[in-house]
Amino acid sequence: MTLISRTKDIAKLRGLSLDDVALKAGLSAKSIYNWGRNSPKSENLDKVADVLHVSTDYLLGRTDDIHPSSQKSNNELSDFDEEIMMAFDGKPIPDEDKEKLLEFARFLRSQRGK
């Protein structure tokens, strides 16, 4: 699987278009489409990986683990106990809802630093 196809697949899984991902990463709307022809700058790849909540290694095809253990410390949520946080009324929360809750928590944390 190529960089562009992995990026498209994970964006779709997150409910985002490639244009949305690019804009959230601070890139021009169509910039990710160029990754099929040209390799991205490492800082742009990092930004897109952050938006998609995956590692650059996942996007580059170096690993198939969508949630690598190193991601927890990279996303600045290392002090959250995600297993405890991800239950409501004693029942597990569906995976797609977990990711949305974590994304919101990351957003709140990023806003505190501004």
PDB file of N, CA and C in Angstrom:
ATOM      1  N   MET A   1       0.842  -1.173   0.000  1.00  0.00           N
ATOM      2  CA  MET A   1       0.000   0.000   0.000  1.00  0.00           C
ATOM      3  C   MET A   1       0.892   1.244   0.000  1.00  0.00           C
ATOM      4  N   THR A   2       0.531   2.230  -0.785  1.00  0.00           N
ATOM      5  CA  THR A   2       1.352   3.431  -0.914  1.00  0.00           C
ATOM      6  C   THR A   2       1.004   4.466   0.145  1.00  0.00           C
ATOM      7  N   LEU A   3       1.842   5.463   0.265  1.00  0.00           N
ATOM      8  CA  LEU A   3       1.625   6.559   1.208  1.00  0.00           C
ATOM      9  C   LEU A   3       0.278   7.228   0.947  1.00  0.00           C
ATOM     10  N   ILE A   4      -0.008   7.546  -0.297  1.00  0.00           N
ATOM     11  CA  ILE A   4      -1.258   8.229  -0.615  1.00  0.00           C
ATOM     12  C   ILE A   4      -2.465   7.343  -0.323  1.00  0.00           C
ATOM     13  N   SER A   5      -2.367   6.051  -0.608  1.00  0.00           N
ATOM     14  CA  SER A   5      -3.516   5.174  -0.360  1.00  0.00           C
ATOM     15  C   SER A   5      -3.740   4.976   1.139  1.00  0.00           C
ATOM     16  N   ARG A   6      -2.667   4.864   1.916  1.00  0.00           N
ATOM     17  CA  ARG A   6      -2.823   4.746   3.371  1.00  0.00           C
ATOM     18  C   ARG A   6      -3.426   6.022   3.947  1.00  0.00           C
ATOM     19  N   THR A   7      -2.977   7.149   3.457  1.00  0.00           N
ATOM     20  CA  THR A   7      -3.494   8.425   3.936  1.00  0.00           C
ATOM     21  C   THR A   7      -4.977   8.558   3.602  1.00  0.00           C
ATOM     22  N   LYS A   8      -5.355   8.192   2.383  1.00  0.00           N
ATOM     23  CA  LYS A   8      -6.769   8.233   1.981  1.00  0.00           C
ATOM     24  C   LYS A   8      -7.610   7.312   2.859  1.00  0.00           C
ATOM     25  N   ASP A   9      -7.112   6.087   3.079  1.00  0.00           N
ATOM     26  CA  ASP A   9      -7.869   5.099   3.858  1.00  0.00           C
ATOM     27  C   ASP A   9      -8.096   5.551   5.291  1.00  0.00           C
ATOM     28  N   ILE A  10      -7.045   6.057   5.941  1.00  0.00           N
ATOM     29  CA  ILE A  10      -7.199   6.458   7.339  1.00  0.00           C
ATOM     30  C   ILE A  10      -8.036   7.740   7.439  1.00  0.00           C
ATOM     31  N   ALA A  11      -7.923   8.621   6.454  1.00  0.00           N
ATOM     32  CA  ALA A  11      -8.761   9.827   6.440  1.00  0.00           C
ATOM     33  C   ALA A  11     -10.230   9.432   6.321  1.00  0.00           C
ATOM     34  N   LYS A  12     -10.513   8.486   5.427  1.00  0.00           N
ATOM     35  CA  LYS A  12     -11.886   8.017   5.257  1.00  0.00           C
ATOM     36  C   LYS A  12     -12.400   7.394   6.553  1.00  0.00           C
ATOM     37  N   LEU A  13     -11.549   6.608   7.213  1.00  0.00           N
ATOM     38  CA  LEU A  13     -11.914   6.003   8.491  1.00  0.00           C
ATOM     39  C   LEU A  13     -12.247   7.071   9.534  1.00  0.00           C
ATOM     40  N   ARG A  14     -11.564   8.191   9.475  1.00  0.00           N
ATOM     41  CA  ARG A  14     -11.792   9.291  10.421  1.00  0.00           C
ATOM     42  C   ARG A  14     -12.926  10.215   9.966  1.00  0.00           C
ATOM     43  N   GLY A  15     -13.515   9.916   8.792  1.00  0.00           N
ATOM     44  CA  GLY A  15     -14.614  10.743   8.287  1.00  0.00           C
ATOM     45  C   GLY A  15     -14.151  12.045   7.672  1.00  0.00           C
ATOM     46  N   LEU A  16     -12.933  12.056   7.137  1.00  0.00           N
ATOM     47  CA  LEU A  16     -12.362  13.271   6.565  1.00  0.00           C
ATOM     48  C   LEU A  16     -11.990  13.050   5.100  1.00  0.00           C
ATOM     49  N   SER A  17     -12.059  14.102   4.317  1.00  0.00           N
ATOM     50  CA  SER A  17     -11.527  14.058   2.958  1.00  0.00           C
ATOM     51  C   SER A  17     -10.046  14.437   3.023  1.00  0.00           C
ATOM     52  N   LEU A  18      -9.313  14.185   1.951  1.00  0.00           N
ATOM     53  CA  LEU A  18      -7.905  14.594   1.938  1.00  0.00           C
ATOM     54  C   LEU A  18      -7.779  16.109   2.004  1.00  0.00           C
ATOM     55  N   ASP A  19      -8.723  16.825   1.407  1.00  0.00           N
ATOM     56  CA  ASP A  19      -8.718  18.288   1.514  1.00  0.00           C
ATOM     57  C   ASP A  19      -8.870  18.718   2.970  1.00  0.00           C
ATOM     58  N   ASP A  20      -9.801  18.079   3.697  1.00  0.00           N
ATOM     59  CA  ASP A  20     -10.009  18.401   5.114  1.00  0.00           C
ATOM     60  C   ASP A  20      -8.737  18.156   5.920  1.00  0.00           C
ATOM     61  N   VAL A  21      -8.116  17.010   5.682  1.00  0.00           N
ATOM     62  CA  VAL A  21      -6.888  16.659   6.412  1.00  0.00           C
ATOM     63  C   VAL A  21      -5.811  17.696   6.145  1.00  0.00           C
ATOM     64  N   ALA A  22      -5.633  18.040   4.872  1.00  0.00           N
ATOM     65  CA  ALA A  22      -4.599  19.010   4.503  1.00  0.00           C
ATOM     66  C   ALA A  22      -4.838  20.345   5.196  1.00  0.00           C
ATOM     67  N   LEU A  23      -6.069  20.815   5.156  1.00  0.00           N
ATOM     68  CA  LEU A  23      -6.379  22.106   5.774  1.00  0.00           C
ATOM     69  C   LEU A  23      -6.181  22.071   7.284  1.00  0.00           C
ATOM     70  N   LYS A  24      -6.596  20.981   7.938  1.00  0.00           N
ATOM     71  CA  LYS A  24      -6.390  20.852   9.381  1.00  0.00           C
ATOM     72  C   LYS A  24      -4.907  20.811   9.732  1.00  0.00           C
ATOM     73  N   ALA A  25      -4.094  20.301   8.798  1.00  0.00           N
ATOM     74  CA  ALA A  25      -2.652  20.223   9.018  1.00  0.00           C
ATOM     75  C   ALA A  25      -1.939  21.524   8.652  1.00  0.00           C
ATOM     76  N   GLY A  26      -2.698  22.493   8.139  1.00  0.00           N
ATOM     77  CA  GLY A  26      -2.098  23.770   7.769  1.00  0.00           C
ATOM     78  C   GLY A  26      -1.451  23.743   6.398  1.00  0.00           C
ATOM     79  N   LEU A  27      -1.874  22.811   5.556  1.00  0.00           N
ATOM     80  CA  LEU A  27      -1.340  22.682   4.203  1.00  0.00           C
ATOM     81  C   LEU A  27      -2.377  23.173   3.202  1.00  0.00           C
ATOM     82  N   SER A  28      -1.970  23.356   1.962  1.00  0.00           N
ATOM     83  CA  SER A  28      -2.952  23.721   0.946  1.00  0.00           C
ATOM     84  C   SER A  28      -3.882  22.535   0.699  1.00  0.00           C
ATOM     85  N   ALA A  29      -5.110  22.834   0.297  1.00  0.00           N
ATOM     86  CA  ALA A  29      -6.160  21.819   0.213  1.00  0.00           C
ATOM     87  C   ALA A  29      -5.773  20.606  -0.631  1.00  0.00           C
ATOM     88  N   LYS A  30      -5.122  20.795  -1.732  1.00  0.00           N
ATOM     89  CA  LYS A  30      -4.819  19.695  -2.653  1.00  0.00           C
ATOM     90  C   LYS A  30      -3.405  19.130  -2.487  1.00  0.00           C
ATOM     91  N   SER A  31      -2.680  19.590  -1.493  1.00  0.00           N
ATOM     92  CA  SER A  31      -1.262  19.205  -1.366  1.00  0.00           C
ATOM     93  C   SER A  31      -1.048  17.709  -1.177  1.00  0.00           C
ATOM     94  N   ILE A  32      -1.924  17.026  -0.457  1.00  0.00           N
ATOM     95  CA  ILE A  32      -1.725  15.598  -0.199  1.00  0.00           C
ATOM     96  C   ILE A  32      -1.847  14.795  -1.492  1.00  0.00           C
ATOM     97  N   TYR A  33      -2.665  15.266  -2.423  1.00  0.00           N
ATOM     98  CA  TYR A  33      -2.805  14.564  -3.705  1.00  0.00           C
ATOM     99  C   TYR A  33      -1.473  14.482  -4.452  1.00  0.00           C
ATOM    100  N   ASN A  34      -0.589  15.437  -4.221  1.00  0.00           N
ATOM    101  CA  ASN A  34       0.733  15.426  -4.873  1.00  0.00           C
ATOM    102  C   ASN A  34       1.648  14.339  -4.327  1.00  0.00           C
ATOM    103  N   TRP A  35       1.303  13.759  -3.174  1.00  0.00           N
ATOM    104  CA  TRP A  35       2.138  12.725  -2.576  1.00  0.00           C
ATOM    105  C   TRP A  35       2.198  11.474  -3.436  1.00  0.00           C
ATOM    106  N   GLY A  36       1.296  11.348  -4.383  1.00  0.00           N
ATOM    107  CA  GLY A  36       1.352  10.222  -5.314  1.00  0.00           C
ATOM    108  C   GLY A  36       2.506  10.359  -6.298  1.00  0.00           C
ATOM    109  N   ARG A  37       2.923  11.602  -6.538  1.00  0.00           N
ATOM    110  CA  ARG A  37       4.023  11.867  -7.483  1.00  0.00           C
ATOM    111  C   ARG A  37       5.317  12.273  -6.789  1.00  0.00           C
ATOM    112  N   ASN A  38       5.203  13.002  -5.704  1.00  0.00           N
ATOM    113  CA  ASN A  38       6.376  13.531  -4.994  1.00  0.00           C
ATOM    114  C   ASN A  38       6.302  13.164  -3.518  1.00  0.00           C
ATOM    115  N   SER A  39       7.443  12.909  -2.925  1.00  0.00           N
ATOM    116  CA  SER A  39       7.493  12.628  -1.490  1.00  0.00           C
ATOM    117  C   SER A  39       7.240  13.914  -0.715  1.00  0.00           C
ATOM    118  N   PRO A  40       6.461  13.836   0.362  1.00  0.00           N
ATOM    119  CA  PRO A  40       6.194  15.046   1.152  1.00  0.00           C
ATOM    120  C   PRO A  40       7.403  15.426   1.996  1.00  0.00           C
ATOM    121  N   LYS A  41       7.456  16.683   2.396  1.00  0.00           N
ATOM    122  CA  LYS A  41       8.451  17.117   3.368  1.00  0.00           C
ATOM    123  C   LYS A  41       8.140  16.411   4.682  1.00  0.00           C
ATOM    124  N   SER A  42       9.150  16.107   5.443  1.00  0.00           N
ATOM    125  CA  SER A  42       8.942  15.375   6.693  1.00  0.00           C
ATOM    126  C   SER A  42       8.037  16.138   7.651  1.00  0.00           C
ATOM    127  N   GLU A  43       8.152  17.465   7.708  1.00  0.00           N
ATOM    128  CA  GLU A  43       7.291  18.219   8.621  1.00  0.00           C
ATOM    129  C   GLU A  43       5.823  18.173   8.179  1.00  0.00           C
ATOM    130  N   ASN A  44       5.576  18.108   6.870  1.00  0.00           N
ATOM    131  CA  ASN A  44       4.196  17.989   6.386  1.00  0.00           C
ATOM    132  C   ASN A  44       3.630  16.602   6.685  1.00  0.00           C
ATOM    133  N   LEU A  45       4.458  15.588   6.540  1.00  0.00           N
ATOM    134  CA  LEU A  45       4.031  14.232   6.876  1.00  0.00           C
ATOM    135  C   LEU A  45       3.709  14.140   8.366  1.00  0.00           C
ATOM    136  N   ASP A  46       4.532  14.761   9.200  1.00  0.00           N
ATOM    137  CA  ASP A  46       4.279  14.796  10.653  1.00  0.00           C
ATOM    138  C   ASP A  46       2.941  15.462  10.969  1.00  0.00           C
ATOM    139  N   LYS A  47       2.667  16.580  10.316  1.00  0.00           N
ATOM    140  CA  LYS A  47       1.427  17.311  10.562  1.00  0.00           C
ATOM    141  C   LYS A  47       0.207  16.467  10.193  1.00  0.00           C
ATOM    142  N   VAL A  48       0.273  15.795   9.043  1.00  0.00           N
ATOM    143  CA  VAL A  48      -0.842  14.967   8.593  1.00  0.00           C
ATOM    144  C   VAL A  48      -1.025  13.778   9.538  1.00  0.00           C
ATOM    145  N   ALA A  49       0.078  13.157   9.952  1.00  0.00           N
ATOM    146  CA  ALA A  49      -0.004  12.038  10.895  1.00  0.00           C
ATOM    147  C   ALA A  49      -0.658  12.484  12.202  1.00  0.00           C
ATOM    148  N   ASP A  50      -0.328  13.686  12.659  1.00  0.00           N
ATOM    149  CA  ASP A  50      -0.942  14.220  13.885  1.00  0.00           C
ATOM    150  C   ASP A  50      -2.444  14.413  13.709  1.00  0.00           C
ATOM    151  N   VAL A  51      -2.849  14.968  12.582  1.00  0.00           N
ATOM    152  CA  VAL A  51      -4.282  15.178  12.322  1.00  0.00           C
ATOM    153  C   VAL A  51      -5.023  13.844  12.301  1.00  0.00           C
ATOM    154  N   LEU A  52      -4.395  12.820  11.714  1.00  0.00           N
ATOM    155  CA  LEU A  52      -5.039  11.515  11.580  1.00  0.00           C
ATOM    156  C   LEU A  52      -4.834  10.617  12.801  1.00  0.00           C
ATOM    157  N   HIS A  53      -4.024  11.072  13.752  1.00  0.00           N
ATOM    158  CA  HIS A  53      -3.751  10.327  14.985  1.00  0.00           C
ATOM    159  C   HIS A  53      -3.122   8.967  14.701  1.00  0.00           C
ATOM    160  N   VAL A  54      -2.151   8.977  13.810  1.00  0.00           N
ATOM    161  CA  VAL A  54      -1.358   7.790  13.507  1.00  0.00           C
ATOM    162  C   VAL A  54       0.104   8.218  13.463  1.00  0.00           C
ATOM    163  N   SER A  55       0.994   7.254  13.404  1.00  0.00           N
ATOM    164  CA  SER A  55       2.413   7.582  13.292  1.00  0.00           C
ATOM    165  C   SER A  55       2.788   7.775  11.824  1.00  0.00           C
ATOM    166  N   THR A  56       3.886   8.451  11.609  1.00  0.00           N
ATOM    167  CA  THR A  56       4.397   8.569  10.243  1.00  0.00           C
ATOM    168  C   THR A  56       4.795   7.192   9.724  1.00  0.00           C
ATOM    169  N   ASP A  57       5.258   6.331  10.614  1.00  0.00           N
ATOM    170  CA  ASP A  57       5.603   4.961  10.203  1.00  0.00           C
ATOM    171  C   ASP A  57       4.393   4.224   9.643  1.00  0.00           C
ATOM    172  N   TYR A  58       3.220   4.453  10.222  1.00  0.00           N
ATOM    173  CA  TYR A  58       2.013   3.822   9.697  1.00  0.00           C
ATOM    174  C   TYR A  58       1.717   4.356   8.296  1.00  0.00           C
ATOM    175  N   LEU A  59       1.761   5.669   8.120  1.00  0.00           N
ATOM    176  CA  LEU A  59       1.484   6.246   6.807  1.00  0.00           C
ATOM    177  C   LEU A  59       2.486   5.787   5.760  1.00  0.00           C
ATOM    178  N   LEU A  60       3.731   5.624   6.169  1.00  0.00           N
ATOM    179  CA  LEU A  60       4.781   5.205   5.231  1.00  0.00           C
ATOM    180  C   LEU A  60       4.784   3.698   4.978  1.00  0.00           C
ATOM    181  N   GLY A  61       3.946   2.966   5.687  1.00  0.00           N
ATOM    182  CA  GLY A  61       3.867   1.524   5.475  1.00  0.00           C
ATOM    183  C   GLY A  61       4.927   0.729   6.213  1.00  0.00           C
ATOM    184  N   ARG A  62       5.592   1.362   7.158  1.00  0.00           N
ATOM    185  CA  ARG A  62       6.623   0.664   7.933  1.00  0.00           C
ATOM    186  C   ARG A  62       6.026  -0.221   9.018  1.00  0.00           C
ATOM    187  N   THR A  63       4.755   0.047   9.366  1.00  0.00           N
ATOM    188  CA  THR A  63       4.043  -0.757  10.346  1.00  0.00           C
ATOM    189  C   THR A  63       2.577  -0.807   9.954  1.00  0.00           C
ATOM    190  N   ASP A  64       1.917  -1.880  10.329  1.00  0.00           N
ATOM    191  CA  ASP A  64       0.472  -1.985  10.101  1.00  0.00           C
ATOM    192  C   ASP A  64      -0.309  -1.681  11.373  1.00  0.00           C
ATOM    193  N   ASP A  65       0.390  -1.361  12.441  1.00  0.00           N
ATOM    194  CA  ASP A  65      -0.244  -1.048  13.720  1.00  0.00           C
ATOM    195  C   ASP A  65      -0.743   0.392  13.662  1.00  0.00           C
ATOM    196  N   ILE A  66      -2.061   0.543  13.577  1.00  0.00           N
ATOM    197  CA  ILE A  66      -2.648   1.879  13.441  1.00  0.00           C
ATOM    198  C   ILE A  66      -2.506   2.702  14.717  1.00  0.00           C
ATOM    199  N   HIS A  67      -2.397   2.040  15.859  1.00  0.00           N
ATOM    200  CA  HIS A  67      -2.242   2.726  17.146  1.00  0.00           C
ATOM    201  C   HIS A  67      -0.960   2.261  17.822  1.00  0.00           C
ATOM    202  N   PRO A  68       0.192   2.693  17.338  1.00  0.00           N
ATOM    203  CA  PRO A  68       1.439   2.250  17.962  1.00  0.00           C
ATOM    204  C   PRO A  68       1.556   2.746  19.400  1.00  0.00           C
ATOM    205  N   SER A  69       2.257   1.988  20.215  1.00  0.00           N
ATOM    206  CA  SER A  69       2.382   2.343  21.629  1.00  0.00           C
ATOM    207  C   SER A  69       3.061   3.687  21.821  1.00  0.00           C
ATOM    208  N   SER A  70       3.923   4.087  20.896  1.00  0.00           N
ATOM    209  CA  SER A  70       4.594   5.376  21.019  1.00  0.00           C
ATOM    210  C   SER A  70       3.638   6.538  20.790  1.00  0.00           C
ATOM    211  N   GLN A  71       2.480   6.282  20.163  1.00  0.00           N
ATOM    212  CA  GLN A  71       1.538   7.358  19.894  1.00  0.00           C
ATOM    213  C   GLN A  71       1.030   7.992  21.174  1.00  0.00           C
ATOM    214  N   LYS A  72       0.833   7.217  22.203  1.00  0.00           N
ATOM    215  CA  LYS A  72       0.279   7.743  23.443  1.00  0.00           C
ATOM    216  C   LYS A  72       1.128   8.885  23.984  1.00  0.00           C
ATOM    217  N   SER A  73       2.449   8.748  23.979  1.00  0.00           N
ATOM    218  CA  SER A  73       3.283   9.830  24.478  1.00  0.00           C
ATOM    219  C   SER A  73       3.383  10.960  23.464  1.00  0.00           C
ATOM    220  N   ASN A  74       3.290  10.662  22.167  1.00  0.00           N
ATOM    221  CA  ASN A  74       3.387  11.698  21.145  1.00  0.00           C
ATOM    222  C   ASN A  74       2.170  12.607  21.112  1.00  0.00           C
ATOM    223  N   ASN A  75       1.016  12.109  21.499  1.00  0.00           N
ATOM    224  CA  ASN A  75      -0.181  12.937  21.387  1.00  0.00           C
ATOM    225  C   ASN A  75      -0.467  13.720  22.663  1.00  0.00           C
ATOM    226  N   GLU A  76       0.480  13.751  23.587  1.00  0.00           N
ATOM    227  CA  GLU A  76       0.400  14.526  24.817  1.00  0.00           C
ATOM    228  C   GLU A  76      -0.742  14.092  25.729  1.00  0.00           C
ATOM    229  N   LEU A  77      -1.173  12.853  25.625  1.00  0.00           N
ATOM    230  CA  LEU A  77      -2.214  12.361  26.511  1.00  0.00           C
ATOM    231  C   LEU A  77      -1.663  11.259  27.406  1.00  0.00           C
ATOM    232  N   SER A  78      -0.366  11.288  27.643  1.00  0.00           N
ATOM    233  CA  SER A  78       0.248  10.200  28.378  1.00  0.00           C
ATOM    234  C   SER A  78      -0.235  10.114  29.822  1.00  0.00           C
ATOM    235  N   ASP A  79      -0.794  11.208  30.363  1.00  0.00           N
ATOM    236  CA  ASP A  79      -1.272  11.129  31.735  1.00  0.00           C
ATOM    237  C   ASP A  79      -2.716  10.646  31.824  1.00  0.00           C
ATOM    238  N   PHE A  80      -3.380  10.408  30.704  1.00  0.00           N
ATOM    239  CA  PHE A  80      -4.725   9.835  30.714  1.00  0.00           C
ATOM    240  C   PHE A  80      -4.636   8.323  30.807  1.00  0.00           C
ATOM    241  N   ASP A  81      -5.468   7.729  31.616  1.00  0.00           N
ATOM    242  CA  ASP A  81      -5.613   6.288  31.609  1.00  0.00           C
ATOM    243  C   ASP A  81      -6.769   5.997  30.669  1.00  0.00           C
ATOM    244  N   GLU A  82      -6.446   5.719  29.397  1.00  0.00           N
ATOM    245  CA  GLU A  82      -7.464   5.604  28.365  1.00  0.00           C
ATOM    246  C   GLU A  82      -8.443   4.466  28.631  1.00  0.00           C
ATOM    247  N   GLU A  83      -8.018   3.396  29.261  1.00  0.00           N
ATOM    248  CA  GLU A  83      -8.932   2.291  29.515  1.00  0.00           C
ATOM    249  C   GLU A  83     -10.011   2.676  30.517  1.00  0.00           C
ATOM    250  N   ILE A  84      -9.653   3.427  31.531  1.00  0.00           N
ATOM    251  CA  ILE A  84     -10.647   3.876  32.509  1.00  0.00           C
ATOM    252  C   ILE A  84     -11.501   4.985  31.909  1.00  0.00           C
ATOM    253  N   MET A  85     -10.874   5.896  31.204  1.00  0.00           N
ATOM    254  CA  MET A  85     -11.579   7.017  30.623  1.00  0.00           C
ATOM    255  C   MET A  85     -12.594   6.560  29.573  1.00  0.00           C
ATOM    256  N   MET A  86     -12.371   5.454  28.943  1.00  0.00           N
ATOM    257  CA  MET A  86     -13.188   5.029  27.831  1.00  0.00           C
ATOM    258  C   MET A  86     -14.302   4.072  28.217  1.00  0.00           C
ATOM    259  N   ALA A  87     -14.926   4.347  29.336  1.00  0.00           N
ATOM    260  CA  ALA A  87     -16.114   3.597  29.736  1.00  0.00           C
ATOM    261  C   ALA A  87     -17.143   4.618  30.201  1.00  0.00           C
ATOM    262  N   PHE A  88     -18.407   4.288  29.994  1.00  0.00           N
ATOM    263  CA  PHE A  88     -19.470   5.168  30.443  1.00  0.00           C
ATOM    264  C   PHE A  88     -20.539   4.317  31.093  1.00  0.00           C
ATOM    265  N   ASP A  89     -20.875   4.658  32.314  1.00  0.00           N
ATOM    266  CA  ASP A  89     -21.890   3.921  33.057  1.00  0.00           C
ATOM    267  C   ASP A  89     -21.522   2.438  33.157  1.00  0.00           C
ATOM    268  N   GLY A  90     -20.204   2.178  33.253  1.00  0.00           N
ATOM    269  CA  GLY A  90     -19.730   0.808  33.398  1.00  0.00           C
ATOM    270  C   GLY A  90     -19.719  -0.008  32.126  1.00  0.00           C
ATOM    271  N   LYS A  91     -20.046   0.615  30.997  1.00  0.00           N
ATOM    272  CA  LYS A  91     -20.090  -0.107  29.721  1.00  0.00           C
ATOM    273  C   LYS A  91     -19.017   0.436  28.785  1.00  0.00           C
ATOM    274  N   PRO A  92     -18.397  -0.422  27.979  1.00  0.00           N
ATOM    275  CA  PRO A  92     -17.373   0.055  27.048  1.00  0.00           C
ATOM    276  C   PRO A  92     -17.961   0.984  25.989  1.00  0.00           C
ATOM    277  N   ILE A  93     -17.151   1.926  25.557  1.00  0.00           N
ATOM    278  CA  ILE A  93     -17.550   2.865  24.515  1.00  0.00           C
ATOM    279  C   ILE A  93     -17.069   2.307  23.181  1.00  0.00           C
ATOM    280  N   PRO A  94     -17.879   2.366  22.124  1.00  0.00           N
ATOM    281  CA  PRO A  94     -17.450   1.878  20.804  1.00  0.00           C
ATOM    282  C   PRO A  94     -16.176   2.574  20.330  1.00  0.00           C
ATOM    283  N   ASP A  95     -15.347   1.843  19.567  1.00  0.00           N
ATOM    284  CA  ASP A  95     -14.048   2.360  19.121  1.00  0.00           C
ATOM    285  C   ASP A  95     -14.150   3.690  18.392  1.00  0.00           C
ATOM    286  N   GLU A  96     -15.149   3.855  17.508  1.00  0.00           N
ATOM    287  CA  GLU A  96     -15.241   5.117  16.761  1.00  0.00           C
ATOM    288  C   GLU A  96     -15.559   6.286  17.689  1.00  0.00           C
ATOM    289  N   ASP A  97     -16.319   6.036  18.754  1.00  0.00           N
ATOM    290  CA  ASP A  97     -16.607   7.085  19.731  1.00  0.00           C
ATOM    291  C   ASP A  97     -15.384   7.379  20.596  1.00  0.00           C
ATOM    292  N   LYS A  98     -14.593   6.345  20.899  1.00  0.00           N
ATOM    293  CA  LYS A  98     -13.364   6.557  21.672  1.00  0.00           C
ATOM    294  C   LYS A  98     -12.451   7.531  20.952  1.00  0.00           C
ATOM    295  N   GLU A  99     -12.278   7.315  19.634  1.00  0.00           N
ATOM    296  CA  GLU A  99     -11.370   8.178  18.877  1.00  0.00           C
ATOM    297  C   GLU A  99     -11.875   9.619  18.869  1.00  0.00           C
ATOM    298  N   LYS A 100     -13.177   9.807  18.746  1.00  0.00           N
ATOM    299  CA  LYS A 100     -13.733  11.161  18.765  1.00  0.00           C
ATOM    300  C   LYS A 100     -13.522  11.826  20.139  1.00  0.00           C
ATOM    301  N   LEU A 101     -13.691  11.066  21.210  1.00  0.00           N
ATOM    302  CA  LEU A 101     -13.458  11.608  22.550  1.00  0.00           C
ATOM    303  C   LEU A 101     -11.990  11.975  22.753  1.00  0.00           C
ATOM    304  N   LEU A 102     -11.097  11.113  22.279  1.00  0.00           N
ATOM    305  CA  LEU A 102      -9.672  11.415  22.394  1.00  0.00           C
ATOM    306  C   LEU A 102      -9.306  12.636  21.559  1.00  0.00           C
ATOM    307  N   GLU A 103      -9.901  12.756  20.373  1.00  0.00           N
ATOM    308  CA  GLU A 103      -9.632  13.912  19.523  1.00  0.00           C
ATOM    309  C   GLU A 103     -10.077  15.195  20.236  1.00  0.00           C
ATOM    310  N   PHE A 104     -11.233  15.141  20.888  1.00  0.00           N
ATOM    311  CA  PHE A 104     -11.718  16.307  21.631  1.00  0.00           C
ATOM    312  C   PHE A 104     -10.790  16.623  22.803  1.00  0.00           C
ATOM    313  N   ALA A 105     -10.331  15.606  23.508  1.00  0.00           N
ATOM    314  CA  ALA A 105      -9.404  15.818  24.620  1.00  0.00           C
ATOM    315  C   ALA A 105      -8.097  16.443  24.130  1.00  0.00           C
ATOM    316  N   ARG A 106      -7.602  15.967  22.990  1.00  0.00           N
ATOM    317  CA  ARG A 106      -6.380  16.545  22.406  1.00  0.00           C
ATOM    318  C   ARG A 106      -6.609  18.016  22.048  1.00  0.00           C
ATOM    319  N   PHE A 107      -7.773  18.309  21.470  1.00  0.00           N
ATOM    320  CA  PHE A 107      -8.108  19.686  21.107  1.00  0.00           C
ATOM    321  C   PHE A 107      -8.116  20.568  22.351  1.00  0.00           C
ATOM    322  N   LEU A 108      -8.777  20.127  23.409  1.00  0.00           N
ATOM    323  CA  LEU A 108      -8.821  20.921  24.641  1.00  0.00           C
ATOM    324  C   LEU A 108      -7.432  21.170  25.203  1.00  0.00           C
ATOM    325  N   ARG A 109      -6.612  20.114  25.183  1.00  0.00           N
ATOM    326  CA  ARG A 109      -5.249  20.276  25.688  1.00  0.00           C
ATOM    327  C   ARG A 109      -4.466  21.276  24.841  1.00  0.00           C
ATOM    328  N   SER A 110      -4.626  21.216  23.505  1.00  0.00           N
ATOM    329  CA  SER A 110      -3.894  22.144  22.637  1.00  0.00           C
ATOM    330  C   SER A 110      -4.352  23.585  22.855  1.00  0.00           C
ATOM    331  N   GLN A 111      -5.627  23.784  23.172  1.00  0.00           N
ATOM    332  CA  GLN A 111      -6.149  25.130  23.416  1.00  0.00           C
ATOM    333  C   GLN A 111      -5.626  25.721  24.713  1.00  0.00           C
ATOM    334  N   ARG A 112      -5.334  24.861  25.699  1.00  0.00           N
ATOM    335  CA  ARG A 112      -4.782  25.361  26.961  1.00  0.00           C
ATOM    336  C   ARG A 112      -3.407  25.957  26.778  1.00  0.00           C
ATOM    337  N   GLY A 113      -2.647  25.437  25.807  1.00  0.00           N
ATOM    338  CA  GLY A 113      -1.280  25.909  25.592  1.00  0.00           C
ATOM    339  C   GLY A 113      -1.195  27.219  24.818  1.00  0.00           C
ATOM    340  N   LYS A 114      -2.319  27.683  24.287  1.00  0.00           N
ATOM    341  CA  LYS A 114      -2.296  28.908  23.450  1.00  0.00           C
ATOM    342  C   LYS A 114      -2.508  30.146  24.274  1.00  0.00           C
TER     343      LYS A 114
END
